Amino acid sequence: MGIQDVAPAFRNPPTFNDFGEVNAYLKDNINKIARSLQDIDFMINGTLDVNNIRAEGIEARNIKAESITTEKLQAGSITTEKIQAGAVVADKIDVGELSAISANLGHIVAGLIESVEIFGSYIATRRNAFPRCEMSATGNVFGAFNDANNSVVIEPDYGGSPALRFTVTGVPRGRIHNLLGYPIFESYSSMEIRATNAIYIDASSVRFNNWDKLYADNPGRTLGDELREIFDRIEALEGG
């Protein structure tokens, strides 16, 4: 019910025949004014009906600062379409866990993530470019890539052993693993060890399949070739 439905009507003064009619008219209007004042006081002190407020009649400048608190808002009354774009800024958000915010975070370009657990993700030092290092839940890959075909990758399970795989021009060329319980350097082609100074080997023994596996570029012979030649010379001396 609106104010116009309960407010008393005031008519234009009629033509009076005597003072009694004037007195009655004034008393009636005084009573109407008194009732109107009571109605206004009644509505102002907590019984103002929404029907008495015209659309868009309440503006921000008419609301006292901090007069609207959360306990005065009906649950679910504030929806996303009622919040102006950009009105909620980062320093106004306080949640115990990020899971309290259910949303696609989109493209995050800056910030600091500390003391968290991340599962099933892809992390790379560069986006859609090489060289880069990356970690991916797909294949449990953790490696360094010069390009798509040349990489060094840690494999968590190579026949039951973690391994380091070397790929050159898209072809696996070697691995380091411990399938036999000790480190194994495995090459699928040649292997070269370089040092600017001497190479020291401190082991109880160094084993080869045979002496022909030891080859010297100069004079271009294997240790087996040298030993056989020495053996032949000794036999020739003994026969002489």
C-alpha atoms as a PDB file:
ATOM      1  CA  MET A   1       0.000   0.000   0.000  1.00  0.00           C
ATOM      2  CA  GLY A   2       1.430   3.376  -1.032  1.00  0.00           C
ATOM      3  CA  ILE A   3       1.308   6.699   0.768  1.00  0.00           C
ATOM      4  CA  GLN A   4      -1.249   7.976  -1.703  1.00  0.00           C
ATOM      5  CA  ASP A   5      -3.560   5.119  -0.648  1.00  0.00           C
ATOM      6  CA  VAL A   6      -3.716   6.127   3.035  1.00  0.00           C
ATOM      7  CA  ALA A   7      -3.160   9.890   2.965  1.00  0.00           C
ATOM      8  CA  PRO A   8      -6.359  11.913   3.692  1.00  0.00           C
ATOM      9  CA  ALA A   9      -7.734  14.091   0.889  1.00  0.00           C
ATOM     10  CA  PHE A  10      -8.025  17.848   1.304  1.00  0.00           C
ATOM     11  CA  ARG A  11     -10.845  19.570  -0.585  1.00  0.00           C
ATOM     12  CA  ASN A  12     -11.109  23.208  -1.569  1.00  0.00           C
ATOM     13  CA  PRO A  13     -12.909  25.267   1.090  1.00  0.00           C
ATOM     14  CA  PRO A  14     -16.679  25.313   0.487  1.00  0.00           C
ATOM     15  CA  THR A  15     -18.973  28.329   0.852  1.00  0.00           C
ATOM     16  CA  PHE A  16     -19.780  28.732   4.561  1.00  0.00           C
ATOM     17  CA  ASN A  17     -23.210  29.853   5.805  1.00  0.00           C
ATOM     18  CA  ASP A  18     -22.139  30.533   9.366  1.00  0.00           C
ATOM     19  CA  PHE A  19     -19.190  30.357  11.794  1.00  0.00           C
ATOM     20  CA  GLY A  20     -20.165  26.858  12.941  1.00  0.00           C
ATOM     21  CA  GLU A  21     -19.505  25.436   9.465  1.00  0.00           C
ATOM     22  CA  VAL A  22     -16.083  27.177   9.394  1.00  0.00           C
ATOM     23  CA  ASN A  23     -15.253  25.750  12.805  1.00  0.00           C
ATOM     24  CA  ALA A  24     -16.254  22.205  11.724  1.00  0.00           C
ATOM     25  CA  TYR A  25     -14.255  22.497   8.501  1.00  0.00           C
ATOM     26  CA  LEU A  26     -11.112  23.596  10.349  1.00  0.00           C
ATOM     27  CA  LYS A  27     -11.433  20.832  12.955  1.00  0.00           C
ATOM     28  CA  ASP A  28     -11.763  18.209  10.211  1.00  0.00           C
ATOM     29  CA  ASN A  29      -8.656  19.418   8.367  1.00  0.00           C
ATOM     30  CA  ILE A  30      -6.646  19.721  11.576  1.00  0.00           C
ATOM     31  CA  ASN A  31      -7.491  16.065  12.317  1.00  0.00           C
ATOM     32  CA  LYS A  32      -6.423  15.066   8.798  1.00  0.00           C
ATOM     33  CA  ILE A  33      -3.096  16.885   9.207  1.00  0.00           C
ATOM     34  CA  ALA A  34      -2.522  15.183  12.556  1.00  0.00           C
ATOM     35  CA  ARG A  35      -3.226  11.749  11.032  1.00  0.00           C
ATOM     36  CA  SER A  36      -0.857  12.523   8.128  1.00  0.00           C
ATOM     37  CA  LEU A  37       1.909  13.471  10.549  1.00  0.00           C
ATOM     38  CA  GLN A  38       1.368  10.232  12.457  1.00  0.00           C
ATOM     39  CA  ASP A  39       1.514   8.212   9.236  1.00  0.00           C
ATOM     40  CA  ILE A  40       4.735   9.928   8.138  1.00  0.00           C
ATOM     41  CA  ASP A  41       6.322   9.341  11.549  1.00  0.00           C
ATOM     42  CA  PHE A  42       5.153   5.713  11.450  1.00  0.00           C
ATOM     43  CA  MET A  43       6.768   5.112   8.059  1.00  0.00           C
ATOM     44  CA  ILE A  44      10.014   6.937   8.820  1.00  0.00           C
ATOM     45  CA  ASN A  45      10.578   4.875  11.980  1.00  0.00           C
ATOM     46  CA  GLY A  46      10.844   1.475  10.294  1.00  0.00           C
ATOM     47  CA  THR A  47       7.648   0.748   8.393  1.00  0.00           C
ATOM     48  CA  LEU A  48       8.452   2.418   5.057  1.00  0.00           C
ATOM     49  CA  ASP A  49       7.057   0.119   2.370  1.00  0.00           C
ATOM     50  CA  VAL A  50       8.888  -0.451  -0.942  1.00  0.00           C
ATOM     51  CA  ASN A  51       5.666   0.529  -2.709  1.00  0.00           C
ATOM     52  CA  ASN A  52       6.196   4.054  -1.420  1.00  0.00           C
ATOM     53  CA  ILE A  53       9.593   4.356  -3.173  1.00  0.00           C
ATOM     54  CA  ARG A  54       9.643   5.103  -6.864  1.00  0.00           C
ATOM     55  CA  ALA A  55      12.001   3.234  -9.154  1.00  0.00           C
ATOM     56  CA  GLU A  56      15.600   4.546  -8.868  1.00  0.00           C
ATOM     57  CA  GLY A  57      14.398   6.898  -6.147  1.00  0.00           C
ATOM     58  CA  ILE A  58      17.208   6.009  -3.724  1.00  0.00           C
ATOM     59  CA  GLU A  59      20.649   7.189  -4.834  1.00  0.00           C
ATOM     60  CA  ALA A  60      24.079   6.638  -3.313  1.00  0.00           C
ATOM     61  CA  ARG A  61      24.265  10.257  -2.095  1.00  0.00           C
ATOM     62  CA  ASN A  62      21.123   9.606   0.010  1.00  0.00           C
ATOM     63  CA  ILE A  63      22.655   6.642   1.866  1.00  0.00           C
ATOM     64  CA  LYS A  64      24.770   7.267   4.958  1.00  0.00           C
ATOM     65  CA  ALA A  65      28.299   5.870   4.760  1.00  0.00           C
ATOM     66  CA  GLU A  66      28.635   2.394   6.334  1.00  0.00           C
ATOM     67  CA  SER A  67      24.897   2.272   7.060  1.00  0.00           C
ATOM     68  CA  ILE A  68      24.421  -0.871   4.933  1.00  0.00           C
ATOM     69  CA  THR A  69      26.178  -3.865   6.559  1.00  0.00           C
ATOM     70  CA  THR A  70      26.281  -7.518   5.594  1.00  0.00           C
ATOM     71  CA  GLU A  71      23.758  -8.581   8.251  1.00  0.00           C
ATOM     72  CA  LYS A  72      21.240  -6.214   6.635  1.00  0.00           C
ATOM     73  CA  LEU A  73      21.538  -7.881   3.233  1.00  0.00           C
ATOM     74  CA  GLN A  74      19.368 -10.816   2.294  1.00  0.00           C
ATOM     75  CA  ALA A  75      21.333 -13.956   1.450  1.00  0.00           C
ATOM     76  CA  GLY A  76      21.828 -14.234  -2.304  1.00  0.00           C
ATOM     77  CA  SER A  77      20.540 -10.719  -2.937  1.00  0.00           C
ATOM     78  CA  ILE A  78      23.828  -9.533  -4.464  1.00  0.00           C
ATOM     79  CA  THR A  79      24.524 -11.318  -7.746  1.00  0.00           C
ATOM     80  CA  THR A  80      27.309 -10.876 -10.281  1.00  0.00           C
ATOM     81  CA  GLU A  81      25.167  -8.838 -12.671  1.00  0.00           C
ATOM     82  CA  LYS A  82      24.603  -6.320  -9.863  1.00  0.00           C
ATOM     83  CA  ILE A  83      28.337  -5.722  -9.355  1.00  0.00           C
ATOM     84  CA  GLN A  84      29.968  -3.149 -11.606  1.00  0.00           C
ATOM     85  CA  ALA A  85      32.851  -4.436 -13.710  1.00  0.00           C
ATOM     86  CA  GLY A  86      36.165  -3.649 -11.993  1.00  0.00           C
ATOM     87  CA  ALA A  87      34.443  -2.701  -8.719  1.00  0.00           C
ATOM     88  CA  VAL A  88      35.995  -5.567  -6.715  1.00  0.00           C
ATOM     89  CA  VAL A  89      39.783  -5.111  -6.435  1.00  0.00           C
ATOM     90  CA  ALA A  90      42.407  -7.496  -5.046  1.00  0.00           C
ATOM     91  CA  ASP A  91      42.821  -5.770  -1.653  1.00  0.00           C
ATOM     92  CA  LYS A  92      39.077  -6.216  -1.030  1.00  0.00           C
ATOM     93  CA  ILE A  93      39.228 -10.015  -1.342  1.00  0.00           C
ATOM     94  CA  ASP A  94      40.005 -12.061   1.783  1.00  0.00           C
ATOM     95  CA  VAL A  95      39.525 -15.837   1.575  1.00  0.00           C
ATOM     96  CA  GLY A  96      40.993 -18.693   3.545  1.00  0.00           C
ATOM     97  CA  GLU A  97      41.673 -20.781   0.436  1.00  0.00           C
ATOM     98  CA  LEU A  98      41.796 -19.956  -3.243  1.00  0.00           C
ATOM     99  CA  SER A  99      39.292 -22.784  -3.778  1.00  0.00           C
ATOM    100  CA  ALA A 100      36.728 -20.418  -2.241  1.00  0.00           C
ATOM    101  CA  ILE A 101      36.920 -18.570  -5.567  1.00  0.00           C
ATOM    102  CA  SER A 102      35.435 -20.837  -8.219  1.00  0.00           C
ATOM    103  CA  ALA A 103      36.630 -19.486 -11.541  1.00  0.00           C
ATOM    104  CA  ASN A 104      38.969 -19.924 -14.482  1.00  0.00           C
ATOM    105  CA  LEU A 105      41.882 -17.691 -13.470  1.00  0.00           C
ATOM    106  CA  GLY A 106      42.778 -17.165 -17.128  1.00  0.00           C
ATOM    107  CA  HIS A 107      46.149 -15.707 -18.124  1.00  0.00           C
ATOM    108  CA  ILE A 108      48.115 -14.668 -15.032  1.00  0.00           C
ATOM    109  CA  VAL A 109      51.063 -12.494 -16.076  1.00  0.00           C
ATOM    110  CA  ALA A 110      52.582 -11.485 -12.729  1.00  0.00           C
ATOM    111  CA  GLY A 111      52.684 -12.385  -9.085  1.00  0.00           C
ATOM    112  CA  LEU A 112      54.341 -14.650  -6.528  1.00  0.00           C
ATOM    113  CA  ILE A 113      53.272 -18.197  -5.633  1.00  0.00           C
ATOM    114  CA  GLU A 114      54.853 -19.484  -2.415  1.00  0.00           C
ATOM    115  CA  SER A 115      54.424 -22.560  -0.221  1.00  0.00           C
ATOM    116  CA  VAL A 116      51.815 -24.321  -2.343  1.00  0.00           C
ATOM    117  CA  GLU A 117      51.293 -27.786  -3.824  1.00  0.00           C
ATOM    118  CA  ILE A 118      50.750 -28.053  -7.579  1.00  0.00           C
ATOM    119  CA  PHE A 119      49.648 -31.306  -9.218  1.00  0.00           C
ATOM    120  CA  GLY A 120      49.063 -32.319 -12.825  1.00  0.00           C
ATOM    121  CA  SER A 121      50.417 -29.143 -14.377  1.00  0.00           C
ATOM    122  CA  TYR A 122      52.632 -27.976 -17.223  1.00  0.00           C
ATOM    123  CA  ILE A 123      55.366 -25.489 -16.327  1.00  0.00           C
ATOM    124  CA  ALA A 124      57.870 -24.054 -18.818  1.00  0.00           C
ATOM    125  CA  THR A 125      60.453 -21.280 -18.758  1.00  0.00           C
ATOM    126  CA  ARG A 126      59.227 -19.946 -22.126  1.00  0.00           C
ATOM    127  CA  ARG A 127      55.888 -20.071 -23.934  1.00  0.00           C
ATOM    128  CA  ASN A 128      55.800 -21.603 -27.432  1.00  0.00           C
ATOM    129  CA  ALA A 129      59.510 -20.916 -27.964  1.00  0.00           C
ATOM    130  CA  PHE A 130      62.917 -22.560 -27.618  1.00  0.00           C
ATOM    131  CA  PRO A 131      65.253 -23.101 -25.900  1.00  0.00           C
ATOM    132  CA  ARG A 132      63.340 -23.839 -22.710  1.00  0.00           C
ATOM    133  CA  CYS A 133      63.096 -26.121 -19.694  1.00  0.00           C
ATOM    134  CA  GLU A 134      59.750 -27.680 -18.888  1.00  0.00           C
ATOM    135  CA  MET A 135      57.929 -29.962 -16.505  1.00  0.00           C
ATOM    136  CA  SER A 136      54.788 -31.744 -17.637  1.00  0.00           C
ATOM    137  CA  ALA A 137      52.362 -34.200 -16.053  1.00  0.00           C
ATOM    138  CA  THR A 138      52.014 -35.822 -19.499  1.00  0.00           C
ATOM    139  CA  GLY A 139      54.640 -38.556 -19.463  1.00  0.00           C
ATOM    140  CA  ASN A 140      56.055 -37.178 -16.195  1.00  0.00           C
ATOM    141  CA  VAL A 141      58.570 -35.176 -18.223  1.00  0.00           C
ATOM    142  CA  PHE A 142      61.212 -32.942 -16.682  1.00  0.00           C
ATOM    143  CA  GLY A 143      63.789 -31.768 -19.174  1.00  0.00           C
ATOM    144  CA  ALA A 144      65.683 -29.154 -21.138  1.00  0.00           C
ATOM    145  CA  PHE A 145      64.928 -28.610 -24.840  1.00  0.00           C
ATOM    146  CA  ASN A 146      67.134 -26.787 -27.326  1.00  0.00           C
ATOM    147  CA  ASP A 147      64.321 -27.387 -29.812  1.00  0.00           C
ATOM    148  CA  ALA A 148      61.616 -30.010 -30.322  1.00  0.00           C
ATOM    149  CA  ASN A 149      64.168 -32.617 -31.551  1.00  0.00           C
ATOM    150  CA  ASN A 150      67.161 -32.006 -29.288  1.00  0.00           C
ATOM    151  CA  SER A 151      66.734 -32.487 -25.576  1.00  0.00           C
ATOM    152  CA  VAL A 152      67.892 -33.940 -22.277  1.00  0.00           C
ATOM    153  CA  VAL A 153      64.982 -35.460 -20.356  1.00  0.00           C
ATOM    154  CA  ILE A 154      64.644 -37.134 -16.964  1.00  0.00           C
ATOM    155  CA  GLU A 155      62.589 -40.334 -17.238  1.00  0.00           C
ATOM    156  CA  PRO A 156      61.126 -41.445 -13.881  1.00  0.00           C
ATOM    157  CA  ASP A 157      60.666 -45.073 -15.024  1.00  0.00           C
ATOM    158  CA  TYR A 158      63.057 -46.646 -17.524  1.00  0.00           C
ATOM    159  CA  GLY A 159      62.607 -50.378 -16.960  1.00  0.00           C
ATOM    160  CA  GLY A 160      62.225 -49.792 -13.233  1.00  0.00           C
ATOM    161  CA  SER A 161      64.959 -47.189 -12.930  1.00  0.00           C
ATOM    162  CA  PRO A 162      65.007 -43.412 -13.299  1.00  0.00           C
ATOM    163  CA  ALA A 163      67.114 -42.379 -16.276  1.00  0.00           C
ATOM    164  CA  LEU A 164      68.514 -39.396 -18.119  1.00  0.00           C
ATOM    165  CA  ARG A 165      67.748 -39.618 -21.857  1.00  0.00           C
ATOM    166  CA  PHE A 166      69.680 -37.764 -24.552  1.00  0.00           C
ATOM    167  CA  THR A 167      67.862 -37.101 -27.852  1.00  0.00           C
ATOM    168  CA  VAL A 168      69.602 -35.669 -30.948  1.00  0.00           C
ATOM    169  CA  THR A 169      67.706 -34.786 -34.161  1.00  0.00           C
ATOM    170  CA  GLY A 170      64.665 -36.590 -32.801  1.00  0.00           C
ATOM    171  CA  VAL A 171      66.516 -39.887 -32.163  1.00  0.00           C
ATOM    172  CA  PRO A 172      67.430 -41.200 -28.668  1.00  0.00           C
ATOM    173  CA  ARG A 173      71.245 -41.363 -28.594  1.00  0.00           C
ATOM    174  CA  GLY A 174      71.981 -42.457 -25.042  1.00  0.00           C
ATOM    175  CA  ARG A 175      70.929 -42.851 -21.413  1.00  0.00           C
ATOM    176  CA  ILE A 176      72.312 -42.776 -17.914  1.00  0.00           C
ATOM    177  CA  HIS A 177      70.536 -45.235 -15.606  1.00  0.00           C
ATOM    178  CA  ASN A 178      71.118 -47.778 -12.820  1.00  0.00           C
ATOM    179  CA  LEU A 179      69.236 -50.859 -13.991  1.00  0.00           C
ATOM    180  CA  LEU A 180      71.990 -53.116 -12.580  1.00  0.00           C
ATOM    181  CA  GLY A 181      72.229 -51.280  -9.270  1.00  0.00           C
ATOM    182  CA  TYR A 182      75.024 -48.916 -10.262  1.00  0.00           C
ATOM    183  CA  PRO A 183      75.298 -45.985 -12.724  1.00  0.00           C
ATOM    184  CA  ILE A 184      75.444 -47.053 -16.368  1.00  0.00           C
ATOM    185  CA  PHE A 185      76.395 -44.683 -19.189  1.00  0.00           C
ATOM    186  CA  GLU A 186      74.804 -46.102 -22.310  1.00  0.00           C
ATOM    187  CA  SER A 187      75.416 -44.731 -25.837  1.00  0.00           C
ATOM    188  CA  TYR A 188      73.590 -45.866 -28.987  1.00  0.00           C
ATOM    189  CA  SER A 189      76.377 -44.574 -31.204  1.00  0.00           C
ATOM    190  CA  SER A 190      79.817 -43.233 -30.260  1.00  0.00           C
ATOM    191  CA  MET A 191      80.775 -41.764 -26.911  1.00  0.00           C
ATOM    192  CA  GLU A 192      83.484 -39.188 -26.338  1.00  0.00           C
ATOM    193  CA  ILE A 193      85.057 -38.074 -23.068  1.00  0.00           C
ATOM    194  CA  ARG A 194      87.011 -34.824 -23.167  1.00  0.00           C
ATOM    195  CA  ALA A 195      89.208 -33.173 -20.555  1.00  0.00           C
ATOM    196  CA  THR A 196      91.624 -30.272 -20.753  1.00  0.00           C
ATOM    197  CA  ASN A 197      93.937 -32.170 -18.390  1.00  0.00           C
ATOM    198  CA  ALA A 198      94.432 -35.796 -17.441  1.00  0.00           C
ATOM    199  CA  ILE A 199      91.584 -38.212 -16.759  1.00  0.00           C
ATOM    200  CA  TYR A 200      92.099 -40.161 -13.526  1.00  0.00           C
ATOM    201  CA  ILE A 201      90.380 -43.497 -12.958  1.00  0.00           C
ATOM    202  CA  ASP A 202      90.435 -44.806  -9.395  1.00  0.00           C
ATOM    203  CA  ALA A 203      88.969 -48.290  -9.482  1.00  0.00           C
ATOM    204  CA  SER A 204      89.882 -51.812  -8.434  1.00  0.00           C
ATOM    205  CA  SER A 205      89.844 -52.808 -12.108  1.00  0.00           C
ATOM    206  CA  VAL A 206      88.933 -51.543 -15.571  1.00  0.00           C
ATOM    207  CA  ARG A 207      87.350 -54.203 -17.762  1.00  0.00           C
ATOM    208  CA  PHE A 208      87.108 -54.563 -21.577  1.00  0.00           C
ATOM    209  CA  ASN A 209      85.662 -57.320 -23.724  1.00  0.00           C
ATOM    210  CA  ASN A 210      89.102 -57.771 -25.315  1.00  0.00           C
ATOM    211  CA  TRP A 211      92.268 -55.777 -26.101  1.00  0.00           C
ATOM    212  CA  ASP A 212      90.938 -54.922 -29.548  1.00  0.00           C
ATOM    213  CA  LYS A 213      88.485 -52.552 -27.828  1.00  0.00           C
ATOM    214  CA  LEU A 214      91.380 -50.192 -27.011  1.00  0.00           C
ATOM    215  CA  TYR A 215      92.320 -48.248 -30.148  1.00  0.00           C
ATOM    216  CA  ALA A 216      94.932 -45.517 -30.584  1.00  0.00           C
ATOM    217  CA  ASP A 217      94.427 -42.968 -33.357  1.00  0.00           C
ATOM    218  CA  ASN A 218      98.179 -42.799 -33.696  1.00  0.00           C
ATOM    219  CA  PRO A 219      99.452 -45.217 -34.989  1.00  0.00           C
ATOM    220  CA  GLY A 220      95.910 -46.303 -35.874  1.00  0.00           C
ATOM    221  CA  ARG A 221      96.091 -49.674 -34.146  1.00  0.00           C
ATOM    222  CA  THR A 222      94.409 -51.435 -31.274  1.00  0.00           C
ATOM    223  CA  LEU A 223      96.174 -52.646 -28.179  1.00  0.00           C
ATOM    224  CA  GLY A 224      95.394 -56.153 -29.416  1.00  0.00           C
ATOM    225  CA  ASP A 225      97.313 -55.437 -32.640  1.00  0.00           C
ATOM    226  CA  GLU A 226     100.325 -54.289 -30.626  1.00  0.00           C
ATOM    227  CA  LEU A 227     100.261 -57.288 -28.288  1.00  0.00           C
ATOM    228  CA  ARG A 228      99.981 -59.759 -31.146  1.00  0.00           C
ATOM    229  CA  GLU A 229     102.933 -58.144 -32.908  1.00  0.00           C
ATOM    230  CA  ILE A 230     104.996 -58.332 -29.730  1.00  0.00           C
ATOM    231  CA  PHE A 231     103.977 -61.969 -29.273  1.00  0.00           C
ATOM    232  CA  ASP A 232     104.962 -62.808 -32.868  1.00  0.00           C
ATOM    233  CA  ARG A 233     108.383 -61.192 -32.407  1.00  0.00           C
ATOM    234  CA  ILE A 234     109.001 -63.112 -29.207  1.00  0.00           C
ATOM    235  CA  GLU A 235     108.111 -66.360 -30.927  1.00  0.00           C
ATOM    236  CA  ALA A 236     110.410 -65.514 -33.840  1.00  0.00           C
ATOM    237  CA  LEU A 237     113.298 -64.884 -31.435  1.00  0.00           C
ATOM    238  CA  GLU A 238     112.642 -68.105 -29.592  1.00  0.00           C
ATOM    239  CA  GLY A 239     112.506 -70.038 -32.902  1.00  0.00           C
ATOM    240  CA  GLY A 240     115.752 -68.459 -34.112  1.00  0.00           C
END
